[in-house]
Amino acid sequence: QVQLVESGGGLVQAGGSLRLSCVASGRTFSNIVMGWFRQAPGKEREFVAVISGSGGRTDYTDSVKARFTISRDNTKNTVYLQMNSLKPEDTAVYYCTGDLRTLYGGSYYQKYGMDYWGKGTLVTVSS
């Protein structure tokens, strides 16, 4: 019901920046809570950030606070993840996610995930 397509991944040196984008379709975009998850090789899936439909509320996992910023443009059906001061431990496949339910906190999404997932985009941070 909601299709998500990510872009913007790639290779970057430690300390550098990348911006991920995700275009959503299938539902009214402002009704979709949008998020980002990541999964590093050999590790479990990890919640990264979430943003409410209006963009007025956000939540982040502690390890990315003050470095990553989630935002959205409801006129373009797009959510972004600006990643600054990247570290090798940020290396992972990043997934754009969406959910039609009300906004919950990051701990909820870490436990239960979200309803809709993109195919992911690889971010590699070299040391």
PDB file of N, CA and C in Angstrom:
ATOM      1  N   GLN A   1       0.813  -1.202   0.000  1.00  0.00           N
ATOM      2  CA  GLN A   1       0.000   0.000   0.000  1.00  0.00           C
ATOM      3  C   GLN A   1       0.850   1.256   0.000  1.00  0.00           C
ATOM      4  N   VAL A   2       2.010   1.187   0.569  1.00  0.00           N
ATOM      5  CA  VAL A   2       2.955   2.299   0.546  1.00  0.00           C
ATOM      6  C   VAL A   2       4.244   1.784  -0.069  1.00  0.00           C
ATOM      7  N   GLN A   3       4.682   2.436  -1.131  1.00  0.00           N
ATOM      8  CA  GLN A   3       5.930   2.056  -1.783  1.00  0.00           C
ATOM      9  C   GLN A   3       6.994   3.088  -1.416  1.00  0.00           C
ATOM     10  N   LEU A   4       8.189   2.583  -1.117  1.00  0.00           N
ATOM     11  CA  LEU A   4       9.282   3.438  -0.662  1.00  0.00           C
ATOM     12  C   LEU A   4      10.532   3.141  -1.482  1.00  0.00           C
ATOM     13  N   VAL A   5      11.175   4.186  -1.980  1.00  0.00           N
ATOM     14  CA  VAL A   5      12.380   4.017  -2.781  1.00  0.00           C
ATOM     15  C   VAL A   5      13.461   4.955  -2.254  1.00  0.00           C
ATOM     16  N   GLU A   6      14.545   4.352  -1.759  1.00  0.00           N
ATOM     17  CA  GLU A   6      15.651   5.131  -1.202  1.00  0.00           C
ATOM     18  C   GLU A   6      16.694   5.455  -2.266  1.00  0.00           C
ATOM     19  N   SER A   7      17.452   6.499  -1.986  1.00  0.00           N
ATOM     20  CA  SER A   7      18.612   6.843  -2.806  1.00  0.00           C
ATOM     21  C   SER A   7      19.584   7.642  -1.946  1.00  0.00           C
ATOM     22  N   GLY A   8      20.817   7.759  -2.444  1.00  0.00           N
ATOM     23  CA  GLY A   8      21.786   8.613  -1.778  1.00  0.00           C
ATOM     24  C   GLY A   8      22.895   7.911  -1.030  1.00  0.00           C
ATOM     25  N   GLY A   9      22.848   6.592  -0.970  1.00  0.00           N
ATOM     26  CA  GLY A   9      23.921   5.884  -0.291  1.00  0.00           C
ATOM     27  C   GLY A   9      25.220   5.934  -1.081  1.00  0.00           C
ATOM     28  N   GLY A  10      26.291   5.481  -0.449  1.00  0.00           N
ATOM     29  CA  GLY A  10      27.582   5.459  -1.125  1.00  0.00           C
ATOM     30  C   GLY A  10      28.724   5.322  -0.149  1.00  0.00           C
ATOM     31  N   LEU A  11      29.903   5.594  -0.650  1.00  0.00           N
ATOM     32  CA  LEU A  11      31.133   5.487   0.141  1.00  0.00           C
ATOM     33  C   LEU A  11      31.594   6.875   0.549  1.00  0.00           C
ATOM     34  N   VAL A  12      31.895   7.031   1.827  1.00  0.00           N
ATOM     35  CA  VAL A  12      32.353   8.319   2.333  1.00  0.00           C
ATOM     36  C   VAL A  12      33.414   8.086   3.392  1.00  0.00           C
ATOM     37  N   GLN A  13      34.328   9.011   3.527  1.00  0.00           N
ATOM     38  CA  GLN A  13      35.351   8.902   4.557  1.00  0.00           C
ATOM     39  C   GLN A  13      34.787   9.309   5.914  1.00  0.00           C
ATOM     40  N   ALA A  14      35.390   8.784   6.947  1.00  0.00           N
ATOM     41  CA  ALA A  14      34.992   9.163   8.303  1.00  0.00           C
ATOM     42  C   ALA A  14      35.068  10.677   8.466  1.00  0.00           C
ATOM     43  N   GLY A  15      34.056  11.220   9.118  1.00  0.00           N
ATOM     44  CA  GLY A  15      33.962  12.662   9.286  1.00  0.00           C
ATOM     45  C   GLY A  15      33.164  13.354   8.195  1.00  0.00           C
ATOM     46  N   GLY A  16      32.868  12.637   7.138  1.00  0.00           N
ATOM     47  CA  GLY A  16      32.143  13.207   6.022  1.00  0.00           C
ATOM     48  C   GLY A  16      30.640  13.175   6.220  1.00  0.00           C
ATOM     49  N   SER A  17      29.933  13.579   5.176  1.00  0.00           N
ATOM     50  CA  SER A  17      28.472  13.677   5.226  1.00  0.00           C
ATOM     51  C   SER A  17      27.829  13.007   4.024  1.00  0.00           C
ATOM     52  N   LEU A  18      26.612  12.554   4.225  1.00  0.00           N
ATOM     53  CA  LEU A  18      25.768  12.026   3.156  1.00  0.00           C
ATOM     54  C   LEU A  18      24.332  12.410   3.459  1.00  0.00           C
ATOM     55  N   ARG A  19      23.537  12.549   2.411  1.00  0.00           N
ATOM     56  CA  ARG A  19      22.112  12.752   2.604  1.00  0.00           C
ATOM     57  C   ARG A  19      21.354  11.659   1.865  1.00  0.00           C
ATOM     58  N   LEU A  20      20.569  10.918   2.611  1.00  0.00           N
ATOM     59  CA  LEU A  20      19.702   9.912   2.029  1.00  0.00           C
ATOM     60  C   LEU A  20      18.336  10.515   1.742  1.00  0.00           C
ATOM     61  N   SER A  21      17.730  10.046   0.667  1.00  0.00           N
ATOM     62  CA  SER A  21      16.381  10.473   0.303  1.00  0.00           C
ATOM     63  C   SER A  21      15.502   9.253   0.127  1.00  0.00           C
ATOM     64  N   CYS A  22      14.216   9.461   0.324  1.00  0.00           N
ATOM     65  CA  CYS A  22      13.261   8.368   0.134  1.00  0.00           C
ATOM     66  C   CYS A  22      11.957   8.962  -0.374  1.00  0.00           C
ATOM     67  N   VAL A  23      11.517   8.469  -1.516  1.00  0.00           N
ATOM     68  CA  VAL A  23      10.257   8.919  -2.101  1.00  0.00           C
ATOM     69  C   VAL A  23       9.184   7.881  -1.808  1.00  0.00           C
ATOM     70  N   ALA A  24       8.060   8.352  -1.316  1.00  0.00           N
ATOM     71  CA  ALA A  24       6.948   7.469  -0.983  1.00  0.00           C
ATOM     72  C   ALA A  24       5.792   7.661  -1.959  1.00  0.00           C
ATOM     73  N   SER A  25       5.049   6.584  -2.175  1.00  0.00           N
ATOM     74  CA  SER A  25       3.861   6.650  -3.012  1.00  0.00           C
ATOM     75  C   SER A  25       2.841   5.654  -2.496  1.00  0.00           C
ATOM     76  N   GLY A  26       1.599   5.862  -2.901  1.00  0.00           N
ATOM     77  CA  GLY A  26       0.547   4.925  -2.543  1.00  0.00           C
ATOM     78  C   GLY A  26      -0.452   5.446  -1.539  1.00  0.00           C
ATOM     79  N   ARG A  27      -0.037   6.399  -0.724  1.00  0.00           N
ATOM     80  CA  ARG A  27      -0.929   7.008   0.254  1.00  0.00           C
ATOM     81  C   ARG A  27      -0.607   8.494   0.348  1.00  0.00           C
ATOM     82  N   THR A  28      -1.517   9.248   0.949  1.00  0.00           N
ATOM     83  CA  THR A  28      -1.252  10.664   1.194  1.00  0.00           C
ATOM     84  C   THR A  28      -0.044  10.786   2.106  1.00  0.00           C
ATOM     85  N   PHE A  29       0.990  11.426   1.601  1.00  0.00           N
ATOM     86  CA  PHE A  29       2.287  11.374   2.276  1.00  0.00           C
ATOM     87  C   PHE A  29       2.218  11.956   3.684  1.00  0.00           C
ATOM     88  N   SER A  30       1.483  13.016   3.876  1.00  0.00           N
ATOM     89  CA  SER A  30       1.444  13.648   5.195  1.00  0.00           C
ATOM     90  C   SER A  30       0.738  12.785   6.242  1.00  0.00           C
ATOM     91  N   ASN A  31       0.098  11.712   5.805  1.00  0.00           N
ATOM     92  CA  ASN A  31      -0.531  10.777   6.744  1.00  0.00           C
ATOM     93  C   ASN A  31       0.408   9.653   7.170  1.00  0.00           C
ATOM     94  N   ILE A  32       1.606   9.643   6.619  1.00  0.00           N
ATOM     95  CA  ILE A  32       2.538   8.554   6.872  1.00  0.00           C
ATOM     96  C   ILE A  32       3.629   9.010   7.838  1.00  0.00           C
ATOM     97  N   VAL A  33       3.749   8.326   8.951  1.00  0.00           N
ATOM     98  CA  VAL A  33       4.919   8.499   9.811  1.00  0.00           C
ATOM     99  C   VAL A  33       6.098   7.841   9.098  1.00  0.00           C
ATOM    100  N   MET A  34       7.191   8.562   8.958  1.00  0.00           N
ATOM    101  CA  MET A  34       8.328   8.059   8.198  1.00  0.00           C
ATOM    102  C   MET A  34       9.537   7.852   9.103  1.00  0.00           C
ATOM    103  N   GLY A  35      10.332   6.856   8.759  1.00  0.00           N
ATOM    104  CA  GLY A  35      11.495   6.568   9.591  1.00  0.00           C
ATOM    105  C   GLY A  35      12.648   6.011   8.797  1.00  0.00           C
ATOM    106  N   TRP A  36      13.738   5.845   9.494  1.00  0.00           N
ATOM    107  CA  TRP A  36      14.930   5.197   8.940  1.00  0.00           C
ATOM    108  C   TRP A  36      15.423   4.162   9.940  1.00  0.00           C
ATOM    109  N   PHE A  37      15.772   3.004   9.408  1.00  0.00           N
ATOM    110  CA  PHE A  37      16.430   1.940  10.151  1.00  0.00           C
ATOM    111  C   PHE A  37      17.731   1.617   9.445  1.00  0.00           C
ATOM    112  N   ARG A  38      18.581   0.883  10.117  1.00  0.00           N
ATOM    113  CA  ARG A  38      19.793   0.407   9.470  1.00  0.00           C
ATOM    114  C   ARG A  38      20.149  -0.977   9.977  1.00  0.00           C
ATOM    115  N   GLN A  39      20.919  -1.685   9.152  1.00  0.00           N
ATOM    116  CA  GLN A  39      21.401  -2.999   9.553  1.00  0.00           C
ATOM    117  C   GLN A  39      22.827  -3.165   9.066  1.00  0.00           C
ATOM    118  N   ALA A  40      23.721  -3.301  10.023  1.00  0.00           N
ATOM    119  CA  ALA A  40      25.122  -3.522   9.718  1.00  0.00           C
ATOM    120  C   ALA A  40      25.374  -5.011   9.537  1.00  0.00           C
ATOM    121  N   PRO A  41      26.429  -5.373   8.824  1.00  0.00           N
ATOM    122  CA  PRO A  41      26.729  -6.791   8.616  1.00  0.00           C
ATOM    123  C   PRO A  41      26.863  -7.539   9.940  1.00  0.00           C
ATOM    124  N   GLY A  42      26.135  -8.633  10.063  1.00  0.00           N
ATOM    125  CA  GLY A  42      26.220  -9.459  11.251  1.00  0.00           C
ATOM    126  C   GLY A  42      25.521  -8.905  12.473  1.00  0.00           C
ATOM    127  N   LYS A  43      24.795  -7.802  12.301  1.00  0.00           N
ATOM    128  CA  LYS A  43      24.115  -7.189  13.453  1.00  0.00           C
ATOM    129  C   LYS A  43      22.608  -7.139  13.220  1.00  0.00           C
ATOM    130  N   GLU A  44      21.896  -6.914  14.287  1.00  0.00           N
ATOM    131  CA  GLU A  44      20.451  -6.802  14.196  1.00  0.00           C
ATOM    132  C   GLU A  44      20.045  -5.441  13.608  1.00  0.00           C
ATOM    133  N   ARG A  45      18.853  -5.422  13.088  1.00  0.00           N
ATOM    134  CA  ARG A  45      18.280  -4.186  12.599  1.00  0.00           C
ATOM    135  C   ARG A  45      18.180  -3.165  13.733  1.00  0.00           C
ATOM    136  N   GLU A  46      18.463  -1.901  13.422  1.00  0.00           N
ATOM    137  CA  GLU A  46      18.490  -0.851  14.429  1.00  0.00           C
ATOM    138  C   GLU A  46      17.651   0.336  13.978  1.00  0.00           C
ATOM    139  N   PHE A  47      16.777   0.798  14.857  1.00  0.00           N
ATOM    140  CA  PHE A  47      16.051   2.035  14.611  1.00  0.00           C
ATOM    141  C   PHE A  47      17.024   3.204  14.598  1.00  0.00           C
ATOM    142  N   VAL A  48      16.837   4.127  13.655  1.00  0.00           N
ATOM    143  CA  VAL A  48      17.705   5.301  13.561  1.00  0.00           C
ATOM    144  C   VAL A  48      16.946   6.580  13.889  1.00  0.00           C
ATOM    145  N   ALA A  49      15.844   6.825  13.178  1.00  0.00           N
ATOM    146  CA  ALA A  49      15.120   8.092  13.361  1.00  0.00           C
ATOM    147  C   ALA A  49      13.698   7.944  12.856  1.00  0.00           C
ATOM    148  N   VAL A  50      12.824   8.801  13.377  1.00  0.00           N
ATOM    149  CA  VAL A  50      11.427   8.814  12.943  1.00  0.00           C
ATOM    150  C   VAL A  50      10.932  10.256  12.932  1.00  0.00           C
ATOM    151  N   ILE A  51       9.964  10.544  12.058  1.00  0.00           N
ATOM    152  CA  ILE A  51       9.395  11.881  11.965  1.00  0.00           C
ATOM    153  C   ILE A  51       7.893  11.769  11.772  1.00  0.00           C
ATOM    154  N   SER A  52       7.164  12.657  12.407  1.00  0.00           N
ATOM    155  CA  SER A  52       5.714  12.635  12.297  1.00  0.00           C
ATOM    156  C   SER A  52       5.266  13.099  10.915  1.00  0.00           C
ATOM    157  N   GLY A  53       3.995  12.913  10.630  1.00  0.00           N
ATOM    158  CA  GLY A  53       3.465  13.277   9.326  1.00  0.00           C
ATOM    159  C   GLY A  53       3.611  14.750   8.992  1.00  0.00           C
ATOM    160  N   SER A  54       3.468  15.588   9.985  1.00  0.00           N
ATOM    161  CA  SER A  54       3.609  17.038   9.772  1.00  0.00           C
ATOM    162  C   SER A  54       5.062  17.483   9.776  1.00  0.00           C
ATOM    163  N   GLY A  55       5.921  16.630  10.303  1.00  0.00           N
ATOM    164  CA  GLY A  55       7.322  16.993  10.440  1.00  0.00           C
ATOM    165  C   GLY A  55       7.655  17.681  11.749  1.00  0.00           C
ATOM    166  N   GLY A  56       6.663  17.858  12.602  1.00  0.00           N
ATOM    167  CA  GLY A  56       6.882  18.620  13.820  1.00  0.00           C
ATOM    168  C   GLY A  56       7.496  17.860  14.969  1.00  0.00           C
ATOM    169  N   ARG A  57       7.491  16.539  14.878  1.00  0.00           N
ATOM    170  CA  ARG A  57       8.051  15.716  15.940  1.00  0.00           C
ATOM    171  C   ARG A  57       9.026  14.706  15.363  1.00  0.00           C
ATOM    172  N   THR A  58      10.143  14.552  16.055  1.00  0.00           N
ATOM    173  CA  THR A  58      11.158  13.596  15.632  1.00  0.00           C
ATOM    174  C   THR A  58      11.693  12.838  16.842  1.00  0.00           C
ATOM    175  N   ASP A  59      12.328  11.722  16.571  1.00  0.00           N
ATOM    176  CA  ASP A  59      13.017  10.966  17.605  1.00  0.00           C
ATOM    177  C   ASP A  59      14.193  10.254  16.954  1.00  0.00           C
ATOM    178  N   TYR A  60      15.258  10.064  17.750  1.00  0.00           N
ATOM    179  CA  TYR A  60      16.477   9.469  17.233  1.00  0.00           C
ATOM    180  C   TYR A  60      17.017   8.441  18.215  1.00  0.00           C
ATOM    181  N   THR A  61      17.752   7.481  17.686  1.00  0.00           N
ATOM    182  CA  THR A  61      18.514   6.641  18.576  1.00  0.00           C
ATOM    183  C   THR A  61      19.694   7.448  19.114  1.00  0.00           C
ATOM    184  N   ASP A  62      20.121   7.122  20.315  1.00  0.00           N
ATOM    185  CA  ASP A  62      21.126   7.948  20.986  1.00  0.00           C
ATOM    186  C   ASP A  62      22.423   8.082  20.194  1.00  0.00           C
ATOM    187  N   SER A  63      22.810   7.037  19.498  1.00  0.00           N
ATOM    188  CA  SER A  63      24.116   7.033  18.835  1.00  0.00           C
ATOM    189  C   SER A  63      24.201   8.004  17.665  1.00  0.00           C
ATOM    190  N   VAL A  64      23.063   8.509  17.187  1.00  0.00           N
ATOM    191  CA  VAL A  64      23.104   9.429  16.043  1.00  0.00           C
ATOM    192  C   VAL A  64      22.628  10.835  16.396  1.00  0.00           C
ATOM    193  N   LYS A  65      22.157  11.024  17.601  1.00  0.00           N
ATOM    194  CA  LYS A  65      21.698  12.359  18.003  1.00  0.00           C
ATOM    195  C   LYS A  65      22.826  13.367  17.837  1.00  0.00           C
ATOM    196  N   ALA A  66      22.506  14.546  17.362  1.00  0.00           N
ATOM    197  CA  ALA A  66      23.439  15.656  17.127  1.00  0.00           C
ATOM    198  C   ALA A  66      24.287  15.437  15.876  1.00  0.00           C
ATOM    199  N   ARG A  67      24.179  14.262  15.245  1.00  0.00           N
ATOM    200  CA  ARG A  67      24.912  14.028  13.991  1.00  0.00           C
ATOM    201  C   ARG A  67      23.969  13.854  12.800  1.00  0.00           C
ATOM    202  N   PHE A  68      22.833  13.199  13.031  1.00  0.00           N
ATOM    203  CA  PHE A  68      21.874  12.926  11.958  1.00  0.00           C
ATOM    204  C   PHE A  68      20.644  13.794  12.144  1.00  0.00           C
ATOM    205  N   THR A  69      20.028  14.174  11.022  1.00  0.00           N
ATOM    206  CA  THR A  69      18.778  14.936  11.063  1.00  0.00           C
ATOM    207  C   THR A  69      17.788  14.337  10.073  1.00  0.00           C
ATOM    208  N   ILE A  70      16.612  13.997  10.566  1.00  0.00           N
ATOM    209  CA  ILE A  70      15.542  13.524   9.694  1.00  0.00           C
ATOM    210  C   ILE A  70      14.631  14.707   9.387  1.00  0.00           C
ATOM    211  N   SER A  71      14.202  14.789   8.135  1.00  0.00           N
ATOM    212  CA  SER A  71      13.293  15.854   7.727  1.00  0.00           C
ATOM    213  C   SER A  71      12.420  15.326   6.604  1.00  0.00           C
ATOM    214  N   ARG A  72      11.412  16.091   6.251  1.00  0.00           N
ATOM    215  CA  ARG A  72      10.525  15.670   5.176  1.00  0.00           C
ATOM    216  C   ARG A  72       9.994  16.879   4.432  1.00  0.00           C
ATOM    217  N   ASP A  73       9.694  16.644   3.165  1.00  0.00           N
ATOM    218  CA  ASP A  73       9.061  17.650   2.325  1.00  0.00           C
ATOM    219  C   ASP A  73       7.763  17.041   1.813  1.00  0.00           C
ATOM    220  N   ASN A  74       6.666  17.447   2.409  1.00  0.00           N
ATOM    221  CA  ASN A  74       5.386  16.843   2.055  1.00  0.00           C
ATOM    222  C   ASN A  74       4.893  17.264   0.675  1.00  0.00           C
ATOM    223  N   THR A  75       5.502  18.274   0.081  1.00  0.00           N
ATOM    224  CA  THR A  75       5.138  18.659  -1.287  1.00  0.00           C
ATOM    225  C   THR A  75       5.833  17.762  -2.312  1.00  0.00           C
ATOM    226  N   LYS A  76       6.882  17.071  -1.857  1.00  0.00           N
ATOM    227  CA  LYS A  76       7.649  16.201  -2.757  1.00  0.00           C
ATOM    228  C   LYS A  76       7.532  14.729  -2.378  1.00  0.00           C
ATOM    229  N   ASN A  77       6.703  14.431  -1.385  1.00  0.00           N
ATOM    230  CA  ASN A  77       6.542  13.039  -0.918  1.00  0.00           C
ATOM    231  C   ASN A  77       7.893  12.412  -0.565  1.00  0.00           C
ATOM    232  N   THR A  78       8.758  13.193   0.038  1.00  0.00           N
ATOM    233  CA  THR A  78      10.127  12.748   0.271  1.00  0.00           C
ATOM    234  C   THR A  78      10.537  12.971   1.725  1.00  0.00           C
ATOM    235  N   VAL A  79      11.232  11.980   2.259  1.00  0.00           N
ATOM    236  CA  VAL A  79      11.858  12.096   3.574  1.00  0.00           C
ATOM    237  C   VAL A  79      13.362  12.011   3.386  1.00  0.00           C
ATOM    238  N   TYR A  80      14.077  12.724   4.228  1.00  0.00           N
ATOM    239  CA  TYR A  80      15.531  12.802   4.117  1.00  0.00           C
ATOM    240  C   TYR A  80      16.190  12.367   5.432  1.00  0.00           C
ATOM    241  N   LEU A  81      17.416  11.903   5.298  1.00  0.00           N
ATOM    242  CA  LEU A  81      18.250  11.672   6.476  1.00  0.00           C
ATOM    243  C   LEU A  81      19.606  12.301   6.187  1.00  0.00           C
ATOM    244  N   GLN A  82      19.856  13.441   6.803  1.00  0.00           N
ATOM    245  CA  GLN A  82      21.143  14.111   6.680  1.00  0.00           C
ATOM    246  C   GLN A  82      22.076  13.528   7.724  1.00  0.00           C
ATOM    247  N   MET A  83      23.179  12.981   7.252  1.00  0.00           N
ATOM    248  CA  MET A  83      24.126  12.320   8.145  1.00  0.00           C
ATOM    249  C   MET A  83      25.447  13.063   8.115  1.00  0.00           C
ATOM    250  N   ASN A  84      25.836  13.622   9.231  1.00  0.00           N
ATOM    251  CA  ASN A  84      27.087  14.364   9.360  1.00  0.00           C
ATOM    252  C   ASN A  84      28.023  13.644  10.324  1.00  0.00           C
ATOM    253  N   SER A  85      29.274  14.014  10.267  1.00  0.00           N
ATOM    254  CA  SER A  85      30.289  13.448  11.171  1.00  0.00           C
ATOM    255  C   SER A  85      30.204  11.922  11.181  1.00  0.00           C
ATOM    256  N   LEU A  86      30.165  11.348  10.008  1.00  0.00           N
ATOM    257  CA  LEU A  86      29.985   9.906   9.899  1.00  0.00           C
ATOM    258  C   LEU A  86      31.170   9.149  10.475  1.00  0.00           C
ATOM    259  N   LYS A  87      30.860   7.992  11.037  1.00  0.00           N
ATOM    260  CA  LYS A  87      31.853   7.131  11.667  1.00  0.00           C
ATOM    261  C   LYS A  87      31.817   5.768  10.981  1.00  0.00           C
ATOM    262  N   PRO A  88      32.919   5.034  11.043  1.00  0.00           N
ATOM    263  CA  PRO A  88      32.907   3.678  10.441  1.00  0.00           C
ATOM    264  C   PRO A  88      31.768   2.809  10.983  1.00  0.00           C
ATOM    265  N   GLU A  89      31.404   2.993  12.230  1.00  0.00           N
ATOM    266  CA  GLU A  89      30.325   2.191  12.801  1.00  0.00           C
ATOM    267  C   GLU A  89      28.941   2.576  12.264  1.00  0.00           C
ATOM    268  N   ASP A  90      28.852   3.621  11.456  1.00  0.00           N
ATOM    269  CA  ASP A  90      27.601   3.958  10.784  1.00  0.00           C
ATOM    270  C   ASP A  90      27.414   3.146   9.506  1.00  0.00           C
ATOM    271  N   THR A  91      28.424   2.393   9.116  1.00  0.00           N
ATOM    272  CA  THR A  91      28.330   1.559   7.919  1.00  0.00           C
ATOM    273  C   THR A  91      27.197   0.558   8.069  1.00  0.00           C
ATOM    274  N   ALA A  92      26.284   0.571   7.102  1.00  0.00           N
ATOM    275  CA  ALA A  92      25.109  -0.301   7.179  1.00  0.00           C
ATOM    276  C   ALA A  92      24.266  -0.114   5.922  1.00  0.00           C
ATOM    277  N   VAL A  93      23.315  -1.010   5.734  1.00  0.00           N
ATOM    278  CA  VAL A  93      22.242  -0.767   4.776  1.00  0.00           C
ATOM    279  C   VAL A  93      21.177   0.036   5.501  1.00  0.00           C
ATOM    280  N   TYR A  94      20.804   1.146   4.918  1.00  0.00           N
ATOM    281  CA  TYR A  94      19.806   2.033   5.519  1.00  0.00           C
ATOM    282  C   TYR A  94      18.475   1.837   4.807  1.00  0.00           C
ATOM    283  N   TYR A  95      17.440   1.625   5.608  1.00  0.00           N
ATOM    284  CA  TYR A  95      16.109   1.370   5.077  1.00  0.00           C
ATOM    285  C   TYR A  95      15.173   2.519   5.421  1.00  0.00           C
ATOM    286  N   CYS A  96      14.456   2.967   4.427  1.00  0.00           N
ATOM    287  CA  CYS A  96      13.374   3.926   4.631  1.00  0.00           C
ATOM    288  C   CYS A  96      12.127   3.148   5.037  1.00  0.00           C
ATOM    289  N   THR A  97      11.423   3.674   6.000  1.00  0.00           N
ATOM    290  CA  THR A  97      10.252   2.967   6.505  1.00  0.00           C
ATOM    291  C   THR A  97       9.078   3.919   6.659  1.00  0.00           C
ATOM    292  N   GLY A  98       7.878   3.336   6.674  1.00  0.00           N
ATOM    293  CA  GLY A  98       6.675   4.132   6.841  1.00  0.00           C
ATOM    294  C   GLY A  98       5.632   3.398   7.649  1.00  0.00           C
ATOM    295  N   ASP A  99       4.759   4.166   8.280  1.00  0.00           N
ATOM    296  CA  ASP A  99       3.723   3.566   9.103  1.00  0.00           C
ATOM    297  C   ASP A  99       2.509   4.486   9.107  1.00  0.00           C
ATOM    298  N   LEU A 100       1.318   3.899   9.001  1.00  0.00           N
ATOM    299  CA  LEU A 100       0.092   4.688   8.934  1.00  0.00           C
ATOM    300  C   LEU A 100      -0.538   4.906  10.308  1.00  0.00           C
ATOM    301  N   ARG A 101       0.056   4.309  11.329  1.00  0.00           N
ATOM    302  CA  ARG A 101      -0.470   4.498  12.681  1.00  0.00           C
ATOM    303  C   ARG A 101       0.072   5.776  13.299  1.00  0.00           C
ATOM    304  N   THR A 102      -0.356   6.052  14.516  1.00  0.00           N
ATOM    305  CA  THR A 102       0.124   7.255  15.191  1.00  0.00           C
ATOM    306  C   THR A 102       1.615   7.144  15.480  1.00  0.00           C
ATOM    307  N   LEU A 103       2.247   8.259  15.745  1.00  0.00           N
ATOM    308  CA  LEU A 103       3.685   8.277  16.029  1.00  0.00           C
ATOM    309  C   LEU A 103       3.969   7.690  17.406  1.00  0.00           C
ATOM    310  N   TYR A 104       4.935   6.765  17.436  1.00  0.00           N
ATOM    311  CA  TYR A 104       5.437   6.232  18.694  1.00  0.00           C
ATOM    312  C   TYR A 104       6.888   6.646  18.862  1.00  0.00           C
ATOM    313  N   GLY A 105       7.455   6.302  19.999  1.00  0.00           N
ATOM    314  CA  GLY A 105       8.850   6.620  20.237  1.00  0.00           C
ATOM    315  C   GLY A 105       9.785   5.601  19.639  1.00  0.00           C
ATOM    316  N   GLY A 106      11.066   5.942  19.646  1.00  0.00           N
ATOM    317  CA  GLY A 106      12.052   5.083  19.020  1.00  0.00           C
ATOM    318  C   GLY A 106      12.126   3.696  19.624  1.00  0.00           C
ATOM    319  N   SER A 107      11.931   3.601  20.941  1.00  0.00           N
ATOM    320  CA  SER A 107      12.019   2.285  21.585  1.00  0.00           C
ATOM    321  C   SER A 107      10.909   1.358  21.097  1.00  0.00           C
ATOM    322  N   TYR A 108       9.738   1.922  20.811  1.00  0.00           N
ATOM    323  CA  TYR A 108       8.638   1.128  20.263  1.00  0.00           C
ATOM    324  C   TYR A 108       9.022   0.588  18.883  1.00  0.00           C
ATOM    325  N   TYR A 109       9.547   1.470  18.042  1.00  0.00           N
ATOM    326  CA  TYR A 109       9.888   1.036  16.682  1.00  0.00           C
ATOM    327  C   TYR A 109      11.067   0.067  16.683  1.00  0.00           C
ATOM    328  N   GLN A 110      11.992   0.230  17.618  1.00  0.00           N
ATOM    329  CA  GLN A 110      13.091  -0.718  17.709  1.00  0.00           C
ATOM    330  C   GLN A 110      12.554  -2.123  17.994  1.00  0.00           C
ATOM    331  N   LYS A 111      11.519  -2.187  18.797  1.00  0.00           N
ATOM    332  CA  LYS A 111      10.973  -3.487  19.177  1.00  0.00           C
ATOM    333  C   LYS A 111      10.042  -4.041  18.106  1.00  0.00           C
ATOM    334  N   TYR A 112       9.195  -3.208  17.509  1.00  0.00           N
ATOM    335  CA  TYR A 112       8.136  -3.683  16.627  1.00  0.00           C
ATOM    336  C   TYR A 112       8.323  -3.342  15.155  1.00  0.00           C
ATOM    337  N   GLY A 113       9.287  -2.504  14.816  1.00  0.00           N
ATOM    338  CA  GLY A 113       9.477  -2.092  13.440  1.00  0.00           C
ATOM    339  C   GLY A 113       8.367  -1.198  12.943  1.00  0.00           C
ATOM    340  N   MET A 114       8.323  -1.015  11.635  1.00  0.00           N
ATOM    341  CA  MET A 114       7.269  -0.236  11.004  1.00  0.00           C
ATOM    342  C   MET A 114       6.650  -1.078   9.904  1.00  0.00           C
ATOM    343  N   ASP A 115       5.517  -0.626   9.378  1.00  0.00           N
ATOM    344  CA  ASP A 115       4.750  -1.482   8.467  1.00  0.00           C
ATOM    345  C   ASP A 115       5.332  -1.583   7.069  1.00  0.00           C
ATOM    346  N   TYR A 116       5.949  -0.523   6.583  1.00  0.00           N
ATOM    347  CA  TYR A 116       6.379  -0.502   5.188  1.00  0.00           C
ATOM    348  C   TYR A 116       7.873  -0.226   5.107  1.00  0.00           C
ATOM    349  N   TRP A 117       8.544  -0.937   4.192  1.00  0.00           N
ATOM    350  CA  TRP A 117       9.997  -0.869   4.083  1.00  0.00           C
ATOM    351  C   TRP A 117      10.417  -0.707   2.636  1.00  0.00           C
ATOM    352  N   GLY A 118      11.460   0.112   2.438  1.00  0.00           N
ATOM    353  CA  GLY A 118      12.109   0.147   1.154  1.00  0.00           C
ATOM    354  C   GLY A 118      13.119  -0.974   1.041  1.00  0.00           C
ATOM    355  N   LYS A 119      13.805  -1.031  -0.092  1.00  0.00           N
ATOM    356  CA  LYS A 119      14.773  -2.105  -0.329  1.00  0.00           C
ATOM    357  C   LYS A 119      16.127  -1.811   0.286  1.00  0.00           C
ATOM    358  N   GLY A 120      16.360  -0.575   0.663  1.00  0.00           N
ATOM    359  CA  GLY A 120      17.597  -0.229   1.340  1.00  0.00           C
ATOM    360  C   GLY A 120      18.639   0.372   0.421  1.00  0.00           C
ATOM    361  N   THR A 121      19.525   1.152   1.041  1.00  0.00           N
ATOM    362  CA  THR A 121      20.653   1.736   0.326  1.00  0.00           C
ATOM    363  C   THR A 121      21.885   1.619   1.213  1.00  0.00           C
ATOM    364  N   LEU A 122      22.994   1.221   0.614  1.00  0.00           N
ATOM    365  CA  LEU A 122      24.198   0.930   1.377  1.00  0.00           C
ATOM    366  C   LEU A 122      25.001   2.199   1.640  1.00  0.00           C
ATOM    367  N   VAL A 123      25.364   2.391   2.887  1.00  0.00           N
ATOM    368  CA  VAL A 123      26.264   3.468   3.299  1.00  0.00           C
ATOM    369  C   VAL A 123      27.525   2.832   3.865  1.00  0.00           C
ATOM    370  N   THR A 124      28.662   3.180   3.281  1.00  0.00           N
ATOM    371  CA  THR A 124      29.946   2.659   3.743  1.00  0.00           C
ATOM    372  C   THR A 124      30.827   3.821   4.169  1.00  0.00           C
ATOM    373  N   VAL A 125      31.279   3.785   5.406  1.00  0.00           N
ATOM    374  CA  VAL A 125      32.136   4.845   5.946  1.00  0.00           C
ATOM    375  C   VAL A 125      33.520   4.254   6.171  1.00  0.00           C
ATOM    376  N   SER A 126      34.488   4.774   5.457  1.00  0.00           N
ATOM    377  CA  SER A 126      35.858   4.268   5.573  1.00  0.00           C
ATOM    378  C   SER A 126      36.633   5.056   6.626  1.00  0.00           C
ATOM    379  N   SER A 127      37.547   4.362   7.275  1.00  0.00           N
ATOM    380  CA  SER A 127      38.338   5.003   8.335  1.00  0.00           C
ATOM    381  C   SER A 127      39.598   5.644   7.786  1.00  0.00           C
TER     382      SER A 127
END
